[in-house]
C-alpha atoms as a PDB file:
ATOM      1  CA  MET A   1       6.215 -22.234  11.412  1.00  0.00           C
ATOM      2  CA  LEU A   2       3.429 -23.915   9.429  1.00  0.00           C
ATOM      3  CA  ARG A   3       1.838 -20.529   8.844  1.00  0.00           C
ATOM      4  CA  LEU A   4       5.079 -19.119   7.459  1.00  0.00           C
ATOM      5  CA  ALA A   5       5.450 -22.133   5.147  1.00  0.00           C
ATOM      6  CA  GLY A   6       1.885 -21.664   3.941  1.00  0.00           C
ATOM      7  CA  CYS A   7       2.521 -17.978   3.321  1.00  0.00           C
ATOM      8  CA  LEU A   8       5.617 -18.784   1.242  1.00  0.00           C
ATOM      9  CA  THR A   9       3.646 -21.300  -0.839  1.00  0.00           C
ATOM     10  CA  VAL A  10       0.879 -18.800  -1.613  1.00  0.00           C
ATOM     11  CA  LEU A  11       3.442 -16.080  -2.351  1.00  0.00           C
ATOM     12  CA  VAL A  12       5.357 -18.244  -4.840  1.00  0.00           C
ATOM     13  CA  ALA A  13       2.095 -19.286  -6.499  1.00  0.00           C
ATOM     14  CA  GLY A  14       1.199 -15.624  -6.984  1.00  0.00           C
ATOM     15  CA  VAL A  15       4.581 -14.869  -8.545  1.00  0.00           C
ATOM     16  CA  LEU A  16       4.148 -17.758 -10.993  1.00  0.00           C
ATOM     17  CA  VAL A  17       0.556 -16.912 -11.923  1.00  0.00           C
ATOM     18  CA  ALA A  18       0.931 -13.122 -12.263  1.00  0.00           C
ATOM     19  CA  PRO A  19       2.334 -13.142 -15.843  1.00  0.00           C
ATOM     20  CA  LEU A  20      -0.532 -15.389 -16.986  1.00  0.00           C
ATOM     21  CA  VAL A  21      -3.134 -13.086 -15.456  1.00  0.00           C
ATOM     22  CA  ARG A  22      -1.432 -10.114 -17.112  1.00  0.00           C
ATOM     23  CA  ALA A  23      -1.464 -11.814 -20.516  1.00  0.00           C
ATOM     24  CA  LEU A  24      -5.059 -13.115 -20.436  1.00  0.00           C
ATOM     25  CA  ALA A  25      -7.206  -9.991 -20.277  1.00  0.00           C
ATOM     26  CA  TRP A  26     -10.424 -12.051 -20.165  1.00  0.00           C
ATOM     27  CA  LEU A  27      -9.645 -13.390 -16.680  1.00  0.00           C
ATOM     28  CA  PRO A  28     -11.600 -11.788 -13.780  1.00  0.00           C
ATOM     29  CA  ALA A  29      -8.441  -9.951 -12.759  1.00  0.00           C
ATOM     30  CA  GLU A  30      -9.682  -7.841  -9.892  1.00  0.00           C
ATOM     31  CA  ARG A  31     -11.498 -10.757  -8.305  1.00  0.00           C
ATOM     32  CA  LEU A  32      -8.361 -12.904  -8.557  1.00  0.00           C
ATOM     33  CA  VAL A  33      -6.262 -10.214  -6.900  1.00  0.00           C
ATOM     34  CA  ARG A  34      -8.673  -9.876  -3.997  1.00  0.00           C
ATOM     35  CA  TRP A  35      -8.885 -13.649  -3.587  1.00  0.00           C
ATOM     36  CA  TRP A  36      -5.100 -14.162  -3.697  1.00  0.00           C
ATOM     37  CA  SER A  37      -4.427 -11.306  -1.278  1.00  0.00           C
ATOM     38  CA  ARG A  38      -6.998 -12.616   1.194  1.00  0.00           C
ATOM     39  CA  LEU A  39      -5.547 -16.114   0.878  1.00  0.00           C
ATOM     40  CA  LEU A  40      -2.047 -14.831   1.621  1.00  0.00           C
ATOM     41  CA  LEU A  41      -3.294 -12.859   4.616  1.00  0.00           C
ATOM     42  CA  ALA A  42      -5.244 -15.889   5.855  1.00  0.00           C
ATOM     43  CA  SER A  43      -2.077 -17.991   5.649  1.00  0.00           C
ATOM     44  CA  LEU A  44      -0.553 -15.500   8.105  1.00  0.00           C
ATOM     45  CA  GLY A  45      -3.586 -15.713  10.375  1.00  0.00           C
ATOM     46  CA  VAL A  46      -4.848 -12.225   9.470  1.00  0.00           C
ATOM     47  CA  ARG A  47      -8.567 -11.601   8.951  1.00  0.00           C
ATOM     48  CA  VAL A  48      -9.594  -8.619   6.800  1.00  0.00           C
ATOM     49  CA  ARG A  49     -12.496  -6.440   7.887  1.00  0.00           C
ATOM     50  CA  PRO A  50     -13.580  -3.734   5.416  1.00  0.00           C
ATOM     51  CA  ILE A  51     -15.513  -0.851   6.976  1.00  0.00           C
ATOM     52  CA  ALA A  52     -17.851   1.400   4.961  1.00  0.00           C
ATOM     53  CA  ALA A  53     -16.458   0.068   1.678  1.00  0.00           C
ATOM     54  CA  PRO A  54     -18.403   1.622  -1.221  1.00  0.00           C
ATOM     55  CA  GLY A  55     -19.783  -0.464  -4.058  1.00  0.00           C
ATOM     56  CA  ARG A  56     -18.093  -0.718  -7.419  1.00  0.00           C
ATOM     57  CA  GLN A  57     -17.513   2.775  -8.795  1.00  0.00           C
ATOM     58  CA  ALA A  58     -16.718   3.914 -12.310  1.00  0.00           C
ATOM     59  CA  GLY A  59     -13.797   6.208 -13.030  1.00  0.00           C
ATOM     60  CA  GLY A  60     -10.357   6.633 -11.561  1.00  0.00           C
ATOM     61  CA  SER A  61      -9.480   7.434  -7.969  1.00  0.00           C
ATOM     62  CA  LEU A  62      -6.363   8.034  -5.894  1.00  0.00           C
ATOM     63  CA  LEU A  63      -6.370   5.806  -2.799  1.00  0.00           C
ATOM     64  CA  VAL A  64      -4.279   7.215   0.056  1.00  0.00           C
ATOM     65  CA  SER A  65      -3.647   5.512   3.388  1.00  0.00           C
ATOM     66  CA  ASN A  66      -1.596   5.585   6.544  1.00  0.00           C
ATOM     67  CA  HIS A  67       1.319   3.150   6.415  1.00  0.00           C
ATOM     68  CA  VAL A  68       1.928   0.731   9.294  1.00  0.00           C
ATOM     69  CA  SER A  69       3.309  -2.542   7.977  1.00  0.00           C
ATOM     70  CA  TRP A  70       4.472  -4.613   5.033  1.00  0.00           C
ATOM     71  CA  LEU A  71       0.970  -6.115   5.287  1.00  0.00           C
ATOM     72  CA  ASP A  72      -0.644  -2.862   4.137  1.00  0.00           C
ATOM     73  CA  VAL A  73      -0.193  -3.510   0.411  1.00  0.00           C
ATOM     74  CA  LEU A  74      -1.966  -6.848   0.775  1.00  0.00           C
ATOM     75  CA  LEU A  75      -4.782  -5.315   2.821  1.00  0.00           C
ATOM     76  CA  VAL A  76      -5.605  -2.720   0.194  1.00  0.00           C
ATOM     77  CA  ALA A  77      -5.343  -5.308  -2.592  1.00  0.00           C
ATOM     78  CA  ALA A  78      -7.681  -7.617  -0.674  1.00  0.00           C
ATOM     79  CA  VAL A  79     -10.390  -4.962  -0.582  1.00  0.00           C
ATOM     80  CA  ARG A  80      -9.795  -2.510  -3.445  1.00  0.00           C
ATOM     81  CA  PRO A  81      -6.938  -3.499  -5.813  1.00  0.00           C
ATOM     82  CA  GLY A  82      -5.160  -0.743  -7.686  1.00  0.00           C
ATOM     83  CA  ARG A  83      -1.933   0.264  -9.399  1.00  0.00           C
ATOM     84  CA  MET A  84       0.885   0.352  -6.857  1.00  0.00           C
ATOM     85  CA  LEU A  85       3.827   2.740  -6.703  1.00  0.00           C
ATOM     86  CA  ALA A  86       7.368   1.393  -6.274  1.00  0.00           C
ATOM     87  CA  LYS A  87      10.903   2.687  -6.143  1.00  0.00           C
ATOM     88  CA  THR A  88      12.955   2.125  -9.287  1.00  0.00           C
ATOM     89  CA  GLU A  89      15.243  -0.398  -7.561  1.00  0.00           C
ATOM     90  CA  VAL A  90      12.364  -2.884  -7.441  1.00  0.00           C
ATOM     91  CA  GLY A  91      12.179  -2.911 -11.231  1.00  0.00           C
ATOM     92  CA  ARG A  92      15.812  -4.077 -11.432  1.00  0.00           C
ATOM     93  CA  TRP A  93      15.430  -7.073  -9.137  1.00  0.00           C
ATOM     94  CA  PRO A  94      15.716 -10.556 -10.688  1.00  0.00           C
ATOM     95  CA  VAL A  95      12.339 -12.251 -11.259  1.00  0.00           C
ATOM     96  CA  LEU A  96      10.309  -9.738  -9.263  1.00  0.00           C
ATOM     97  CA  GLY A  97      11.491  -6.799 -11.382  1.00  0.00           C
ATOM     98  CA  PRO A  98       9.894  -8.049 -14.617  1.00  0.00           C
ATOM     99  CA  LEU A  99       6.807  -9.153 -12.685  1.00  0.00           C
ATOM    100  CA  THR A 100       6.184  -5.703 -11.266  1.00  0.00           C
ATOM    101  CA  SER A 101       6.700  -4.189 -14.724  1.00  0.00           C
ATOM    102  CA  TRP A 102       4.220  -6.626 -16.265  1.00  0.00           C
ATOM    103  CA  GLY A 103       1.797  -5.730 -13.508  1.00  0.00           C
ATOM    104  CA  GLY A 104       1.732  -2.047 -14.419  1.00  0.00           C
ATOM    105  CA  THR A 105       3.581  -0.863 -11.323  1.00  0.00           C
ATOM    106  CA  ILE A 106       4.535   2.809 -11.500  1.00  0.00           C
ATOM    107  CA  PHE A 107       8.173   3.434 -10.672  1.00  0.00           C
ATOM    108  CA  ILE A 108       9.702   6.558  -9.158  1.00  0.00           C
ATOM    109  CA  ASP A 109      13.358   7.480  -8.865  1.00  0.00           C
ATOM    110  CA  ARG A 110      13.508   8.939  -5.394  1.00  0.00           C
ATOM    111  CA  ASP A 111      17.098  10.072  -5.900  1.00  0.00           C
ATOM    112  CA  ARG A 112      16.109  12.362  -8.786  1.00  0.00           C
ATOM    113  CA  LEU A 113      13.551  14.951  -7.761  1.00  0.00           C
ATOM    114  CA  ARG A 114      13.612  16.286 -11.322  1.00  0.00           C
ATOM    115  CA  ALA A 115      11.893  13.064 -12.380  1.00  0.00           C
ATOM    116  CA  LEU A 116       8.977  13.683  -9.998  1.00  0.00           C
ATOM    117  CA  PRO A 117       6.862  15.833 -12.379  1.00  0.00           C
ATOM    118  CA  GLY A 118       6.981  13.065 -14.980  1.00  0.00           C
ATOM    119  CA  THR A 119       5.888  10.492 -12.410  1.00  0.00           C
ATOM    120  CA  VAL A 120       3.023  12.718 -11.273  1.00  0.00           C
ATOM    121  CA  GLU A 121       1.858  13.096 -14.868  1.00  0.00           C
ATOM    122  CA  GLU A 122       2.079   9.335 -15.377  1.00  0.00           C
ATOM    123  CA  ILE A 123      -0.158   8.798 -12.354  1.00  0.00           C
ATOM    124  CA  ALA A 124      -2.556  11.463 -13.631  1.00  0.00           C
ATOM    125  CA  ALA A 125      -2.735   9.713 -17.014  1.00  0.00           C
ATOM    126  CA  ALA A 126      -3.616   6.422 -15.314  1.00  0.00           C
ATOM    127  CA  LEU A 127      -6.323   8.167 -13.296  1.00  0.00           C
ATOM    128  CA  ARG A 128      -7.772   9.736 -16.447  1.00  0.00           C
ATOM    129  CA  ARG A 129      -8.032   6.261 -17.968  1.00  0.00           C
ATOM    130  CA  GLY A 130     -10.270   5.271 -15.079  1.00  0.00           C
ATOM    131  CA  GLU A 131      -7.674   3.303 -13.094  1.00  0.00           C
ATOM    132  CA  ARG A 132      -7.150   3.266  -9.340  1.00  0.00           C
ATOM    133  CA  VAL A 133      -3.716   4.174  -8.013  1.00  0.00           C
ATOM    134  CA  VAL A 134      -2.696   3.377  -4.427  1.00  0.00           C
ATOM    135  CA  VAL A 135      -0.140   5.484  -2.546  1.00  0.00           C
ATOM    136  CA  PHE A 136       1.130   5.747   1.030  1.00  0.00           C
ATOM    137  CA  PRO A 137       1.896   9.482   1.168  1.00  0.00           C
ATOM    138  CA  GLU A 138       3.629   9.445   4.573  1.00  0.00           C
ATOM    139  CA  GLY A 139       6.703   8.084   2.789  1.00  0.00           C
ATOM    140  CA  SER A 140       7.521   5.633   5.607  1.00  0.00           C
ATOM    141  CA  THR A 141       5.960   3.123   7.973  1.00  0.00           C
ATOM    142  CA  TRP A 142       4.715   4.237  11.391  1.00  0.00           C
ATOM    143  CA  CYS A 143       3.410   2.322  14.399  1.00  0.00           C
ATOM    144  CA  GLY A 144      -0.281   3.006  13.743  1.00  0.00           C
ATOM    145  CA  ARG A 145      -0.756   5.528  16.561  1.00  0.00           C
ATOM    146  CA  GLY A 146       1.374   8.373  15.289  1.00  0.00           C
ATOM    147  CA  GLY A 147       2.068   9.169  11.678  1.00  0.00           C
ATOM    148  CA  GLY A 148       4.030  11.266   9.250  1.00  0.00           C
ATOM    149  CA  ARG A 149       2.972  14.237   7.164  1.00  0.00           C
ATOM    150  CA  PHE A 150       1.107  13.439   3.958  1.00  0.00           C
ATOM    151  CA  ARG A 151       3.424  14.718   1.258  1.00  0.00           C
ATOM    152  CA  PRO A 152       1.394  16.738  -1.251  1.00  0.00           C
ATOM    153  CA  ALA A 153       3.306  16.079  -4.491  1.00  0.00           C
ATOM    154  CA  LEU A 154       1.348  12.973  -5.499  1.00  0.00           C
ATOM    155  CA  PHE A 155      -1.993  14.645  -4.768  1.00  0.00           C
ATOM    156  CA  GLU A 156      -1.256  16.858  -7.774  1.00  0.00           C
ATOM    157  CA  ALA A 157      -2.092  13.849  -9.969  1.00  0.00           C
ATOM    158  CA  ALA A 158      -5.658  13.776  -8.622  1.00  0.00           C
ATOM    159  CA  VAL A 159      -5.935  17.540  -9.158  1.00  0.00           C
ATOM    160  CA  ARG A 160      -4.799  17.268 -12.787  1.00  0.00           C
ATOM    161  CA  ALA A 161      -7.038  14.298 -13.546  1.00  0.00           C
ATOM    162  CA  ASP A 162      -9.948  15.771 -11.546  1.00  0.00           C
ATOM    163  CA  VAL A 163     -10.663  12.454  -9.823  1.00  0.00           C
ATOM    164  CA  PRO A 164     -11.567  11.969  -6.153  1.00  0.00           C
ATOM    165  CA  VAL A 165      -9.089  11.115  -3.435  1.00  0.00           C
ATOM    166  CA  GLN A 166     -10.246   8.082  -1.430  1.00  0.00           C
ATOM    167  CA  PRO A 167      -8.736   8.194   2.080  1.00  0.00           C
ATOM    168  CA  LEU A 168      -8.299   4.902   3.947  1.00  0.00           C
ATOM    169  CA  THR A 169      -7.299   4.212   7.536  1.00  0.00           C
ATOM    170  CA  LEU A 170      -5.639   0.886   8.339  1.00  0.00           C
ATOM    171  CA  ARG A 171      -5.837  -0.499  11.884  1.00  0.00           C
ATOM    172  CA  TYR A 172      -4.917  -3.812  13.485  1.00  0.00           C
ATOM    173  CA  ARG A 173      -6.776  -5.439  16.393  1.00  0.00           C
ATOM    174  CA  THR A 174      -6.518  -8.608  18.475  1.00  0.00           C
ATOM    175  CA  ALA A 175      -9.258 -11.250  18.672  1.00  0.00           C
ATOM    176  CA  ASP A 176     -10.957  -9.449  21.565  1.00  0.00           C
ATOM    177  CA  GLY A 177     -11.028  -6.134  19.700  1.00  0.00           C
ATOM    178  CA  ARG A 178      -8.097  -4.462  21.449  1.00  0.00           C
ATOM    179  CA  PRO A 179      -5.891  -2.235  19.266  1.00  0.00           C
ATOM    180  CA  SER A 180      -2.559  -3.835  18.364  1.00  0.00           C
ATOM    181  CA  THR A 181       0.724  -2.475  17.044  1.00  0.00           C
ATOM    182  CA  ALA A 182       2.196  -5.971  16.619  1.00  0.00           C
ATOM    183  CA  PRO A 183       2.208  -5.769  12.790  1.00  0.00           C
ATOM    184  CA  ALA A 184       4.022  -2.404  12.821  1.00  0.00           C
ATOM    185  CA  PHE A 185       7.288  -2.495  10.879  1.00  0.00           C
ATOM    186  CA  VAL A 186       9.336   0.448  12.139  1.00  0.00           C
ATOM    187  CA  GLY A 187      12.781   1.288  13.428  1.00  0.00           C
ATOM    188  CA  GLU A 188      15.365  -1.477  13.043  1.00  0.00           C
ATOM    189  CA  ASP A 189      12.793  -4.264  12.956  1.00  0.00           C
ATOM    190  CA  GLY A 190      13.586  -7.206  10.664  1.00  0.00           C
ATOM    191  CA  LEU A 191      11.140  -8.865   8.287  1.00  0.00           C
ATOM    192  CA  LEU A 192      11.405 -12.376   9.747  1.00  0.00           C
ATOM    193  CA  ALA A 193      10.957 -11.056  13.288  1.00  0.00           C
ATOM    194  CA  SER A 194       7.989  -9.010  12.130  1.00  0.00           C
ATOM    195  CA  MET A 195       6.390 -11.971  10.339  1.00  0.00           C
ATOM    196  CA  TRP A 196       6.861 -14.169  13.410  1.00  0.00           C
ATOM    197  CA  ARG A 197       5.217 -11.519  15.571  1.00  0.00           C
ATOM    198  CA  VAL A 198       2.247 -11.375  13.177  1.00  0.00           C
ATOM    199  CA  VAL A 199       1.678 -15.145  13.057  1.00  0.00           C
ATOM    200  CA  SER A 200       2.016 -15.324  16.855  1.00  0.00           C
ATOM    201  CA  VAL A 201      -0.989 -13.040  17.404  1.00  0.00           C
ATOM    202  CA  ARG A 202      -4.080 -15.229  17.488  1.00  0.00           C
ATOM    203  CA  GLY A 203      -7.143 -13.785  15.812  1.00  0.00           C
ATOM    204  CA  LEU A 204      -5.381 -10.732  14.365  1.00  0.00           C
ATOM    205  CA  THR A 205      -7.865  -8.583  12.447  1.00  0.00           C
ATOM    206  CA  ALA A 206      -6.925  -5.867   9.968  1.00  0.00           C
ATOM    207  CA  GLU A 207      -9.494  -3.108   9.516  1.00  0.00           C
ATOM    208  CA  VAL A 208      -9.620  -1.166   6.256  1.00  0.00           C
ATOM    209  CA  GLU A 209     -11.892   1.822   6.825  1.00  0.00           C
ATOM    210  CA  PHE A 210     -13.091   3.837   3.839  1.00  0.00           C
ATOM    211  CA  LEU A 211     -13.557   7.519   4.659  1.00  0.00           C
ATOM    212  CA  PRO A 212     -15.544  10.114   2.666  1.00  0.00           C
ATOM    213  CA  GLN A 213     -14.041  10.871  -0.734  1.00  0.00           C
ATOM    214  CA  LEU A 214     -12.424  14.256  -1.299  1.00  0.00           C
ATOM    215  CA  PRO A 215     -13.121  15.925  -4.686  1.00  0.00           C
ATOM    216  CA  PRO A 216     -10.115  18.089  -5.686  1.00  0.00           C
ATOM    217  CA  ALA A 217     -12.429  20.867  -6.891  1.00  0.00           C
ATOM    218  CA  LEU A 218     -13.300  21.662  -3.261  1.00  0.00           C
ATOM    219  CA  PHE A 219      -9.706  22.630  -2.414  1.00  0.00           C
ATOM    220  CA  PRO A 220      -7.432  25.463  -3.624  1.00  0.00           C
ATOM    221  CA  GLY A 221      -4.589  23.090  -4.464  1.00  0.00           C
ATOM    222  CA  ARG A 222      -2.716  19.874  -3.728  1.00  0.00           C
ATOM    223  CA  ARG A 223      -1.361  21.017  -0.353  1.00  0.00           C
ATOM    224  CA  GLN A 224      -4.821  21.702   1.034  1.00  0.00           C
ATOM    225  CA  LEU A 225      -6.090  18.433  -0.477  1.00  0.00           C
ATOM    226  CA  ALA A 226      -3.253  16.467   1.150  1.00  0.00           C
ATOM    227  CA  ALA A 227      -3.830  18.179   4.502  1.00  0.00           C
ATOM    228  CA  ALA A 228      -7.559  17.381   4.380  1.00  0.00           C
ATOM    229  CA  ALA A 229      -6.841  13.722   3.594  1.00  0.00           C
ATOM    230  CA  GLN A 230      -4.391  13.522   6.479  1.00  0.00           C
ATOM    231  CA  ARG A 231      -6.878  15.041   8.920  1.00  0.00           C
ATOM    232  CA  VAL A 232      -9.596  12.480   8.181  1.00  0.00           C
ATOM    233  CA  VAL A 233      -7.114   9.576   8.258  1.00  0.00           C
ATOM    234  CA  ASP A 234      -5.510  10.751  11.513  1.00  0.00           C
ATOM    235  CA  ARG A 235      -8.868  10.912  13.286  1.00  0.00           C
ATOM    236  CA  ARG A 236      -9.338   7.168  12.741  1.00  0.00           C
ATOM    237  CA  ARG A 237      -5.875   5.904  13.746  1.00  0.00           C
ATOM    238  CA  LEU A 238      -5.268   3.772  16.830  1.00  0.00           C
ATOM    239  CA  PRO A 239      -5.656   5.678  20.126  1.00  0.00           C
ATOM    240  CA  ASP A 240      -2.547   7.126  21.769  1.00  0.00           C
ATOM    241  CA  GLY A 241      -2.778   4.709  24.703  1.00  0.00           C
ATOM    242  CA  THR A 242      -2.320   1.612  22.522  1.00  0.00           C
ATOM    243  CA  PRO A 243       0.470  -0.622  23.948  1.00  0.00           C
ATOM    244  CA  SER A 244       3.733  -0.824  22.009  1.00  0.00           C
ATOM    245  CA  ASP A 245       3.799  -4.418  20.772  1.00  0.00           C
ATOM    246  CA  ALA A 246       6.530  -3.963  18.174  1.00  0.00           C
ATOM    247  CA  PRO A 247      10.157  -2.804  18.448  1.00  0.00           C
ATOM    248  CA  GLY A 248      10.441   0.819  17.389  1.00  0.00           C
ATOM    249  CA  CYS A 249       6.875   1.760  18.347  1.00  0.00           C
ATOM    250  CA  ALA A 250       8.125   3.842  21.265  1.00  0.00           C
ATOM    251  CA  ALA A 251       9.544   6.244  18.685  1.00  0.00           C
ATOM    252  CA  CYS A 252       6.001   7.199  17.736  1.00  0.00           C
ATOM    253  CA  ALA A 253       5.769   9.141  20.975  1.00  0.00           C
ATOM    254  CA  HIS A 254       8.454  11.427  19.523  1.00  0.00           C
ATOM    255  CA  PRO A 255       8.077  10.840  15.783  1.00  0.00           C
ATOM    256  CA  VAL A 256      10.891  11.620  13.405  1.00  0.00           C
ATOM    257  CA  GLU A 257      11.157  11.122   9.681  1.00  0.00           C
ATOM    258  CA  ARG A 258      12.411   7.621   8.924  1.00  0.00           C
ATOM    259  CA  PRO A 259      13.708   6.094   5.701  1.00  0.00           C
ATOM    260  CA  VAL A 260      11.067   4.268   3.741  1.00  0.00           C
ATOM    261  CA  ARG A 261      10.991   0.552   4.435  1.00  0.00           C
ATOM    262  CA  GLY A 262      10.467  -1.035   1.024  1.00  0.00           C
ATOM    263  CA  PRO A 263       8.128  -0.747  -1.909  1.00  0.00           C
ATOM    264  CA  GLY A 264       4.952  -0.133   0.015  1.00  0.00           C
ATOM    265  CA  ALA A 265       5.802   3.416   0.989  1.00  0.00           C
ATOM    266  CA  SER A 266       5.216   6.087  -1.586  1.00  0.00           C
ATOM    267  CA  GLY A 267       5.975   9.698  -2.025  1.00  0.00           C
ATOM    268  CA  PRO A 268       9.053  11.681  -2.939  1.00  0.00           C
ATOM    269  CA  GLY A 269      11.803  11.333  -0.406  1.00  0.00           C
ATOM    270  CA  PRO A 270      15.422  10.557   0.319  1.00  0.00           C
ATOM    271  CA  ALA A 271      17.437   7.775  -1.155  1.00  0.00           C
ATOM    272  CA  GLY A 272      16.237   4.420   0.005  1.00  0.00           C
ATOM    273  CA  ALA A 273      12.743   5.672   0.562  1.00  0.00           C
ATOM    274  CA  GLY A 274       9.756   3.606  -0.323  1.00  0.00           C
ATOM    275  CA  PRO A 275       7.815   3.221  -3.518  1.00  0.00           C
ATOM    276  CA  VAL A 276       5.738   5.279  -5.706  1.00  0.00           C
ATOM    277  CA  GLY A 277       4.615   3.895  -8.979  1.00  0.00           C
ATOM    278  CA  THR A 278       2.823   4.304 -12.215  1.00  0.00           C
ATOM    279  CA  GLY A 279       3.034   2.685 -15.572  1.00  0.00           C
ATOM    280  CA  THR A 280       1.116   1.713 -18.648  1.00  0.00           C
ATOM    281  CA  VAL A 281      -0.648  -1.551 -19.303  1.00  0.00           C
ATOM    282  CA  GLY A 282      -2.894  -2.951 -21.958  1.00  0.00           C
ATOM    283  CA  THR A 283      -6.071  -2.975 -19.886  1.00  0.00           C
ATOM    284  CA  ALA A 284      -7.011  -1.633 -16.497  1.00  0.00           C
ATOM    285  CA  GLY A 285      -8.073  -5.075 -15.296  1.00  0.00           C
ATOM    286  CA  ALA A 286      -4.832  -6.756 -16.237  1.00  0.00           C
ATOM    287  CA  GLY A 287      -2.848  -3.912 -14.731  1.00  0.00           C
ATOM    288  CA  VAL A 288      -4.642  -4.241 -11.438  1.00  0.00           C
ATOM    289  CA  ALA A 289      -4.054  -7.965 -11.393  1.00  0.00           C
ATOM    290  CA  GLY A 290      -0.351  -7.706 -12.044  1.00  0.00           C
ATOM    291  CA  ALA A 291       0.082  -4.939  -9.545  1.00  0.00           C
ATOM    292  CA  GLY A 292      -1.800  -6.926  -6.942  1.00  0.00           C
ATOM    293  CA  LEU A 293      -0.066 -10.266  -7.415  1.00  0.00           C
ATOM    294  CA  ALA A 294       3.416  -9.236  -8.473  1.00  0.00           C
ATOM    295  CA  GLY A 295       3.378  -5.937  -6.614  1.00  0.00           C
ATOM    296  CA  ALA A 296       2.374  -7.483  -3.326  1.00  0.00           C
ATOM    297  CA  ALA A 297       4.946 -10.227  -3.757  1.00  0.00           C
ATOM    298  CA  ALA A 298       7.583  -7.592  -4.429  1.00  0.00           C
ATOM    299  CA  GLY A 299       6.433  -5.663  -1.389  1.00  0.00           C
ATOM    300  CA  VAL A 300       7.138  -8.524   0.966  1.00  0.00           C
ATOM    301  CA  ALA A 301      10.363  -9.446  -0.801  1.00  0.00           C
ATOM    302  CA  ALA A 302      11.604  -5.867  -0.662  1.00  0.00           C
ATOM    303  CA  GLU A 303      11.444  -5.868   3.091  1.00  0.00           C
ATOM    304  CA  ALA A 304      13.453  -9.077   3.184  1.00  0.00           C
ATOM    305  CA  GLY A 305      16.171  -7.614   1.013  1.00  0.00           C
ATOM    306  CA  ARG A 306      16.473  -4.135   2.439  1.00  0.00           C
END
């Protein structure tokens, strides 16, 4: 219970500080985002372990990852902050709606497929400006062993901007190194039950593995680029024999498409599906900060209010 109280304190602090970070462009925004995200994860008892993380790189990039948990947004922000994608409903929420807008979150209306080309172009524009954009192209959370198809629409933004796709694989392990699906947020799982399961695992470690970048010029189009990204991510997922520690994980043995579970999921999809986002901000640094602080806060809150 103390861990949950500590998490709430850090979360509220991030919500209060995010507008200030957005307004003061001279603040070390990216460093603040990483620090805050790591602090929030630490309050939940989660240790972050980056693997093969490259040094600071100039230019834009599209970060794509498998999607396991509501923790995923925080994990990416703790290692490599970027502009997050979110469903339009998030922008209309009291308090968190304005925060995500200030943070440069990119919104997508998943009920209107005709709006998708405009969203893709907005992402491409952000990439051309040298910003990082983070998406979860499966469009839903999975248990960490199985996964969904990487939907190719958002990869078109990387093709148009001619920036590399940076695949990531997220994995969770116990203190002794065993794979764990405890943080998985799938099926009819509830946020409070999921959070309690996370804080109950002693020594939980979240691995963020950076895989070789994929230049769009090496592929005929977005579909081949998306398929290549999925192949490299899938090879580094948890092994099939990993025990099912979370409700709903058994479904991964016979995976089916599931509705997106909040603002962390991105990619075009059915109503209620998760987030995809782009937007415009004054500076890349401030945008990253807002997206990290406000976006991550919205990510957790979205799961609570789904």
